Amino acid sequence: SDLLAEVQEKPKCCFFKFSSKIQYNKVVKAQLWIYLRPVQTPTTVFVQILRLIKPMKDGTRYTGIRSLKLDMNPGTGIWQSIDVKTVLQNWLKQPESNLGIEIKALDENGHDLAVTFPEPGEEGL
């Protein structure tokens, strides 16, 4: 959409197709699973899931869905689930409000550990 043109860095997008038969009042559970890359040292990771909205008068383009603070140990990466039931219900009720979500999982140095587009041998969303 035109909203993507306003984002400074071109976003990497994943699309999920839902059957038109799904009704918002029938959704009992919806989770988004995110894979976080392994870290080399004990690291605190701040995970943010933001829902994109039409820009408001003050310039706000996001509303928070969920924020987490995770302590990761060196070794393997981890899977983290995020409850997106309410967001999905709202999107099914008002499809025009679905501008997407943004996923951030930043370590203390600002490196994004969320795998949205896997490198060879990596797992992703």
N, C-alpha and C. Protein backbone atom coordinates (compact mmCIF):
# COMPACT_ATOMS: atom_id res chain seq x y z
N SER A 1 0.84 -1.20 0.00
CA SER A 1 0.00 0.00 0.00
C SER A 1 0.87 1.24 0.00
N ASP A 2 0.25 2.41 -0.10
CA ASP A 2 0.99 3.68 -0.07
C ASP A 2 1.74 3.84 1.25
N LEU A 3 1.22 3.22 2.30
CA LEU A 3 1.85 3.32 3.61
C LEU A 3 3.27 2.77 3.56
N LEU A 4 3.50 1.70 2.79
CA LEU A 4 4.83 1.11 2.70
C LEU A 4 5.82 2.07 2.08
N ALA A 5 5.34 2.95 1.20
CA ALA A 5 6.23 3.91 0.55
C ALA A 5 6.78 4.91 1.56
N GLU A 6 6.08 5.08 2.69
CA GLU A 6 6.52 6.04 3.69
C GLU A 6 7.55 5.46 4.66
N VAL A 7 7.72 4.14 4.64
CA VAL A 7 8.67 3.50 5.54
C VAL A 7 10.07 3.74 4.99
N GLN A 8 11.01 4.14 5.88
CA GLN A 8 12.35 4.50 5.42
C GLN A 8 13.07 3.34 4.77
N GLU A 9 13.12 2.20 5.46
CA GLU A 9 13.75 1.03 4.87
C GLU A 9 12.65 0.19 4.26
N LYS A 10 12.93 -0.38 3.10
CA LYS A 10 11.91 -1.20 2.47
C LYS A 10 11.67 -2.43 3.34
N PRO A 11 10.43 -2.61 3.80
CA PRO A 11 10.17 -3.74 4.70
C PRO A 11 10.16 -5.07 3.97
N LYS A 12 10.53 -6.11 4.69
CA LYS A 12 10.38 -7.46 4.18
C LYS A 12 9.00 -7.91 4.63
N CYS A 13 8.20 -8.38 3.73
CA CYS A 13 6.82 -8.70 4.05
C CYS A 13 6.55 -10.20 3.91
N CYS A 14 5.78 -10.73 4.84
CA CYS A 14 5.25 -12.08 4.76
C CYS A 14 3.75 -11.95 4.67
N PHE A 15 3.13 -12.72 3.81
CA PHE A 15 1.68 -12.66 3.66
C PHE A 15 1.07 -13.99 4.09
N PHE A 16 0.00 -13.91 4.84
CA PHE A 16 -0.72 -15.09 5.30
C PHE A 16 -2.12 -15.02 4.71
N LYS A 17 -2.51 -16.07 4.02
CA LYS A 17 -3.81 -16.10 3.37
C LYS A 17 -4.80 -16.84 4.26
N PHE A 18 -5.95 -16.23 4.48
CA PHE A 18 -6.99 -16.84 5.30
C PHE A 18 -8.20 -17.13 4.44
N SER A 19 -8.85 -18.21 4.73
CA SER A 19 -10.07 -18.56 4.01
C SER A 19 -11.15 -17.52 4.29
N SER A 20 -11.93 -17.21 3.27
CA SER A 20 -13.02 -16.25 3.44
C SER A 20 -14.13 -16.83 4.34
N LYS A 21 -14.05 -18.12 4.62
CA LYS A 21 -15.06 -18.76 5.48
C LYS A 21 -14.82 -18.50 6.96
N ILE A 22 -13.63 -18.01 7.31
CA ILE A 22 -13.34 -17.76 8.72
C ILE A 22 -14.15 -16.55 9.18
N GLN A 23 -14.84 -16.70 10.32
CA GLN A 23 -15.60 -15.59 10.89
C GLN A 23 -14.92 -15.15 12.18
N TYR A 24 -14.87 -13.81 12.39
CA TYR A 24 -14.14 -13.28 13.53
C TYR A 24 -14.65 -13.84 14.86
N ASN A 25 -15.97 -14.08 14.96
CA ASN A 25 -16.50 -14.55 16.24
C ASN A 25 -16.28 -16.05 16.46
N LYS A 26 -15.69 -16.72 15.48
CA LYS A 26 -15.39 -18.15 15.61
C LYS A 26 -13.91 -18.39 15.94
N VAL A 27 -13.10 -17.35 15.93
CA VAL A 27 -11.67 -17.51 16.21
C VAL A 27 -11.50 -17.69 17.72
N VAL A 28 -10.97 -18.85 18.12
CA VAL A 28 -10.77 -19.11 19.55
C VAL A 28 -9.30 -18.96 19.94
N LYS A 29 -8.40 -19.07 18.95
CA LYS A 29 -6.98 -18.95 19.25
C LYS A 29 -6.24 -18.59 17.98
N ALA A 30 -5.31 -17.65 18.09
CA ALA A 30 -4.45 -17.30 16.96
C ALA A 30 -3.10 -16.90 17.52
N GLN A 31 -2.06 -17.60 17.10
CA GLN A 31 -0.72 -17.32 17.58
C GLN A 31 0.23 -17.14 16.40
N LEU A 32 1.13 -16.20 16.56
CA LEU A 32 2.21 -16.00 15.61
C LEU A 32 3.48 -16.47 16.31
N TRP A 33 4.19 -17.39 15.68
CA TRP A 33 5.44 -17.90 16.23
C TRP A 33 6.61 -17.24 15.53
N ILE A 34 7.53 -16.72 16.29
CA ILE A 34 8.70 -16.01 15.76
C ILE A 34 9.95 -16.73 16.23
N TYR A 35 10.85 -16.97 15.29
CA TYR A 35 12.14 -17.58 15.64
C TYR A 35 13.16 -16.48 15.86
N LEU A 36 13.86 -16.55 16.99
CA LEU A 36 14.92 -15.58 17.32
C LEU A 36 16.27 -16.25 17.15
N ARG A 37 17.14 -15.59 16.40
CA ARG A 37 18.48 -16.13 16.12
C ARG A 37 19.25 -16.38 17.42
N PRO A 38 20.17 -17.35 17.39
CA PRO A 38 21.02 -17.60 18.56
C PRO A 38 21.89 -16.39 18.88
N VAL A 39 22.26 -16.27 20.14
CA VAL A 39 23.16 -15.19 20.58
C VAL A 39 24.47 -15.81 21.06
N GLN A 40 25.53 -15.00 21.04
CA GLN A 40 26.86 -15.49 21.44
C GLN A 40 27.11 -15.34 22.94
N THR A 41 26.47 -14.35 23.55
CA THR A 41 26.63 -14.09 24.98
C THR A 41 25.25 -13.92 25.60
N PRO A 42 25.12 -14.05 26.93
CA PRO A 42 23.80 -13.80 27.54
C PRO A 42 23.29 -12.42 27.12
N THR A 43 22.09 -12.37 26.63
CA THR A 43 21.56 -11.16 26.01
C THR A 43 20.11 -10.93 26.42
N THR A 44 19.76 -9.68 26.67
CA THR A 44 18.36 -9.31 26.87
C THR A 44 17.80 -8.84 25.54
N VAL A 45 16.68 -9.41 25.16
CA VAL A 45 16.05 -9.08 23.89
C VAL A 45 14.69 -8.44 24.16
N PHE A 46 14.43 -7.35 23.47
CA PHE A 46 13.16 -6.65 23.60
C PHE A 46 12.34 -6.92 22.34
N VAL A 47 11.25 -7.66 22.50
CA VAL A 47 10.40 -8.04 21.37
C VAL A 47 9.20 -7.10 21.35
N GLN A 48 8.94 -6.51 20.19
CA GLN A 48 7.77 -5.66 20.01
C GLN A 48 6.99 -6.12 18.79
N ILE A 49 5.69 -6.25 18.96
CA ILE A 49 4.80 -6.54 17.85
C ILE A 49 3.88 -5.32 17.74
N LEU A 50 3.95 -4.66 16.59
CA LEU A 50 3.22 -3.42 16.37
C LEU A 50 2.23 -3.60 15.23
N ARG A 51 1.03 -3.08 15.40
CA ARG A 51 0.02 -3.11 14.34
C ARG A 51 0.09 -1.80 13.59
N LEU A 52 0.23 -1.89 12.26
CA LEU A 52 0.26 -0.69 11.44
C LEU A 52 -1.15 -0.13 11.30
N ILE A 53 -1.26 1.19 11.44
CA ILE A 53 -2.54 1.87 11.30
C ILE A 53 -2.38 3.04 10.34
N LYS A 54 -3.48 3.58 9.88
CA LYS A 54 -3.40 4.77 9.03
C LYS A 54 -2.80 5.89 9.87
N PRO A 55 -1.88 6.67 9.31
CA PRO A 55 -1.22 7.72 10.10
C PRO A 55 -2.24 8.67 10.74
N MET A 56 -2.03 8.92 12.04
CA MET A 56 -2.90 9.84 12.76
C MET A 56 -2.36 11.26 12.61
N LYS A 57 -3.10 12.24 13.11
CA LYS A 57 -2.69 13.63 12.97
C LYS A 57 -1.33 13.90 13.58
N ASP A 58 -1.01 13.19 14.67
CA ASP A 58 0.29 13.40 15.33
C ASP A 58 1.41 12.58 14.68
N GLY A 59 1.10 11.88 13.59
CA GLY A 59 2.11 11.11 12.88
C GLY A 59 2.22 9.66 13.33
N THR A 60 1.48 9.27 14.35
CA THR A 60 1.53 7.89 14.84
C THR A 60 1.05 6.93 13.77
N ARG A 61 1.85 5.89 13.52
CA ARG A 61 1.49 4.90 12.50
C ARG A 61 1.41 3.49 13.06
N TYR A 62 1.56 3.35 14.38
CA TYR A 62 1.56 2.03 14.99
C TYR A 62 0.75 2.04 16.28
N THR A 63 0.23 0.88 16.64
CA THR A 63 -0.27 0.66 17.99
C THR A 63 0.38 -0.63 18.46
N GLY A 64 0.69 -0.69 19.73
CA GLY A 64 1.35 -1.87 20.27
C GLY A 64 0.39 -3.02 20.44
N ILE A 65 0.83 -4.21 20.06
CA ILE A 65 0.07 -5.43 20.30
C ILE A 65 0.65 -6.13 21.52
N ARG A 66 1.96 -6.24 21.53
CA ARG A 66 2.61 -6.97 22.63
C ARG A 66 4.06 -6.54 22.72
N SER A 67 4.56 -6.41 23.94
CA SER A 67 5.98 -6.15 24.19
C SER A 67 6.47 -7.17 25.20
N LEU A 68 7.63 -7.72 24.93
CA LEU A 68 8.23 -8.72 25.81
C LEU A 68 9.69 -8.39 26.05
N LYS A 69 10.18 -8.76 27.21
CA LYS A 69 11.60 -8.67 27.51
C LYS A 69 12.05 -10.10 27.80
N LEU A 70 12.97 -10.60 26.97
CA LEU A 70 13.43 -11.98 27.10
C LEU A 70 14.92 -12.02 27.41
N ASP A 71 15.31 -12.90 28.30
CA ASP A 71 16.73 -13.14 28.55
C ASP A 71 17.12 -14.39 27.79
N MET A 72 18.05 -14.23 26.84
CA MET A 72 18.50 -15.36 26.03
C MET A 72 19.91 -15.77 26.44
N ASN A 73 20.13 -17.08 26.47
CA ASN A 73 21.44 -17.62 26.76
C ASN A 73 22.11 -18.02 25.45
N PRO A 74 23.45 -18.07 25.45
CA PRO A 74 24.16 -18.49 24.24
C PRO A 74 23.74 -19.91 23.84
N GLY A 75 23.83 -20.18 22.56
CA GLY A 75 23.50 -21.52 22.08
C GLY A 75 22.51 -21.46 20.94
N THR A 76 21.46 -22.24 21.07
CA THR A 76 20.48 -22.31 19.98
C THR A 76 19.51 -21.14 20.06
N GLY A 77 18.87 -20.87 18.94
CA GLY A 77 17.84 -19.84 18.91
C GLY A 77 16.59 -20.35 19.62
N ILE A 78 15.62 -19.48 19.77
CA ILE A 78 14.39 -19.87 20.46
C ILE A 78 13.17 -19.46 19.64
N TRP A 79 12.08 -20.18 19.85
CA TRP A 79 10.79 -19.82 19.28
C TRP A 79 10.00 -19.08 20.34
N GLN A 80 9.34 -18.01 19.95
CA GLN A 80 8.50 -17.24 20.86
C GLN A 80 7.13 -17.09 20.24
N SER A 81 6.09 -17.39 21.00
CA SER A 81 4.74 -17.24 20.45
C SER A 81 4.12 -15.94 20.94
N ILE A 82 3.33 -15.34 20.07
CA ILE A 82 2.64 -14.09 20.36
C ILE A 82 1.16 -14.31 20.10
N ASP A 83 0.32 -13.94 21.05
CA ASP A 83 -1.13 -14.07 20.89
C ASP A 83 -1.62 -12.95 19.98
N VAL A 84 -2.18 -13.32 18.84
CA VAL A 84 -2.70 -12.33 17.89
C VAL A 84 -4.21 -12.53 17.63
N LYS A 85 -4.87 -13.19 18.57
CA LYS A 85 -6.30 -13.48 18.41
C LYS A 85 -7.12 -12.21 18.20
N THR A 86 -6.96 -11.23 19.08
CA THR A 86 -7.76 -10.00 18.99
C THR A 86 -7.50 -9.26 17.69
N VAL A 87 -6.22 -9.19 17.30
CA VAL A 87 -5.86 -8.51 16.06
C VAL A 87 -6.53 -9.21 14.87
N LEU A 88 -6.44 -10.53 14.84
CA LEU A 88 -7.05 -11.28 13.74
C LEU A 88 -8.56 -11.09 13.72
N GLN A 89 -9.19 -11.14 14.88
CA GLN A 89 -10.64 -10.93 14.94
C GLN A 89 -11.01 -9.55 14.37
N ASN A 90 -10.25 -8.53 14.76
CA ASN A 90 -10.52 -7.18 14.25
C ASN A 90 -10.34 -7.10 12.75
N TRP A 91 -9.30 -7.76 12.23
CA TRP A 91 -9.05 -7.74 10.79
C TRP A 91 -10.17 -8.44 10.03
N LEU A 92 -10.66 -9.55 10.59
CA LEU A 92 -11.75 -10.27 9.92
C LEU A 92 -13.05 -9.47 9.96
N LYS A 93 -13.23 -8.72 11.05
CA LYS A 93 -14.42 -7.89 11.19
C LYS A 93 -14.35 -6.66 10.28
N GLN A 94 -13.15 -6.08 10.17
CA GLN A 94 -12.93 -4.88 9.35
C GLN A 94 -11.68 -5.09 8.49
N PRO A 95 -11.80 -5.81 7.38
CA PRO A 95 -10.63 -6.15 6.56
C PRO A 95 -9.84 -4.92 6.10
N GLU A 96 -10.50 -3.80 5.91
CA GLU A 96 -9.80 -2.60 5.45
C GLU A 96 -8.83 -2.06 6.50
N SER A 97 -8.97 -2.50 7.76
CA SER A 97 -8.06 -2.03 8.81
C SER A 97 -6.76 -2.84 8.84
N ASN A 98 -6.67 -3.88 8.00
CA ASN A 98 -5.49 -4.75 8.00
C ASN A 98 -4.38 -4.15 7.14
N LEU A 99 -3.52 -3.37 7.77
CA LEU A 99 -2.35 -2.82 7.09
C LEU A 99 -1.10 -3.63 7.44
N GLY A 100 -1.26 -4.61 8.34
CA GLY A 100 -0.15 -5.49 8.69
C GLY A 100 0.37 -5.24 10.08
N ILE A 101 1.38 -6.00 10.43
CA ILE A 101 2.07 -5.84 11.71
C ILE A 101 3.57 -5.74 11.44
N GLU A 102 4.27 -5.16 12.39
CA GLU A 102 5.73 -5.10 12.30
C GLU A 102 6.29 -5.84 13.51
N ILE A 103 7.33 -6.62 13.24
CA ILE A 103 7.96 -7.43 14.27
C ILE A 103 9.37 -6.91 14.50
N LYS A 104 9.69 -6.64 15.77
CA LYS A 104 11.04 -6.23 16.13
C LYS A 104 11.49 -7.07 17.31
N ALA A 105 12.71 -7.54 17.27
CA ALA A 105 13.30 -8.27 18.40
C ALA A 105 14.73 -7.78 18.52
N LEU A 106 14.93 -6.71 19.26
CA LEU A 106 16.22 -6.03 19.32
C LEU A 106 17.01 -6.41 20.56
N ASP A 107 18.31 -6.67 20.35
CA ASP A 107 19.18 -6.88 21.51
C ASP A 107 19.65 -5.51 22.03
N GLU A 108 20.53 -5.53 23.04
CA GLU A 108 20.96 -4.27 23.65
C GLU A 108 21.69 -3.35 22.67
N ASN A 109 22.24 -3.93 21.59
CA ASN A 109 22.97 -3.15 20.60
C ASN A 109 22.11 -2.75 19.40
N GLY A 110 20.83 -3.07 19.47
CA GLY A 110 19.93 -2.69 18.38
C GLY A 110 19.89 -3.65 17.21
N HIS A 111 20.55 -4.82 17.34
CA HIS A 111 20.50 -5.82 16.27
C HIS A 111 19.18 -6.57 16.32
N ASP A 112 18.54 -6.73 15.18
CA ASP A 112 17.26 -7.44 15.12
C ASP A 112 17.52 -8.94 15.02
N LEU A 113 16.99 -9.69 15.99
CA LEU A 113 17.21 -11.13 16.04
C LEU A 113 16.04 -11.93 15.47
N ALA A 114 14.94 -11.26 15.14
CA ALA A 114 13.78 -11.97 14.60
C ALA A 114 14.07 -12.42 13.18
N VAL A 115 13.77 -13.68 12.90
CA VAL A 115 13.98 -14.21 11.56
C VAL A 115 12.65 -14.14 10.82
N THR A 116 12.52 -13.17 9.93
CA THR A 116 11.32 -13.09 9.11
C THR A 116 11.58 -13.67 7.73
N PHE A 117 12.81 -13.56 7.25
CA PHE A 117 13.20 -14.20 6.00
C PHE A 117 14.44 -15.04 6.30
N PRO A 118 14.28 -16.35 6.36
CA PRO A 118 15.38 -17.22 6.77
C PRO A 118 16.54 -17.21 5.78
N GLU A 119 17.74 -17.23 6.34
CA GLU A 119 18.95 -17.48 5.55
C GLU A 119 19.00 -18.98 5.30
N PRO A 120 19.84 -19.45 4.38
CA PRO A 120 19.94 -20.90 4.18
C PRO A 120 20.24 -21.63 5.50
N GLY A 121 19.48 -22.65 5.78
CA GLY A 121 19.69 -23.44 7.00
C GLY A 121 19.01 -22.87 8.22
N GLU A 122 18.32 -21.73 8.10
CA GLU A 122 17.62 -21.13 9.24
C GLU A 122 16.14 -21.40 9.16
N GLU A 123 15.50 -21.34 10.34
CA GLU A 123 14.05 -21.42 10.37
C GLU A 123 13.52 -20.00 10.45
N GLY A 124 12.24 -19.80 10.14
CA GLY A 124 11.68 -18.46 10.16
C GLY A 124 10.31 -18.43 10.79
N LEU A 125 9.47 -17.51 10.34
CA LEU A 125 8.12 -17.43 10.89
C LEU A 125 7.38 -18.72 10.66
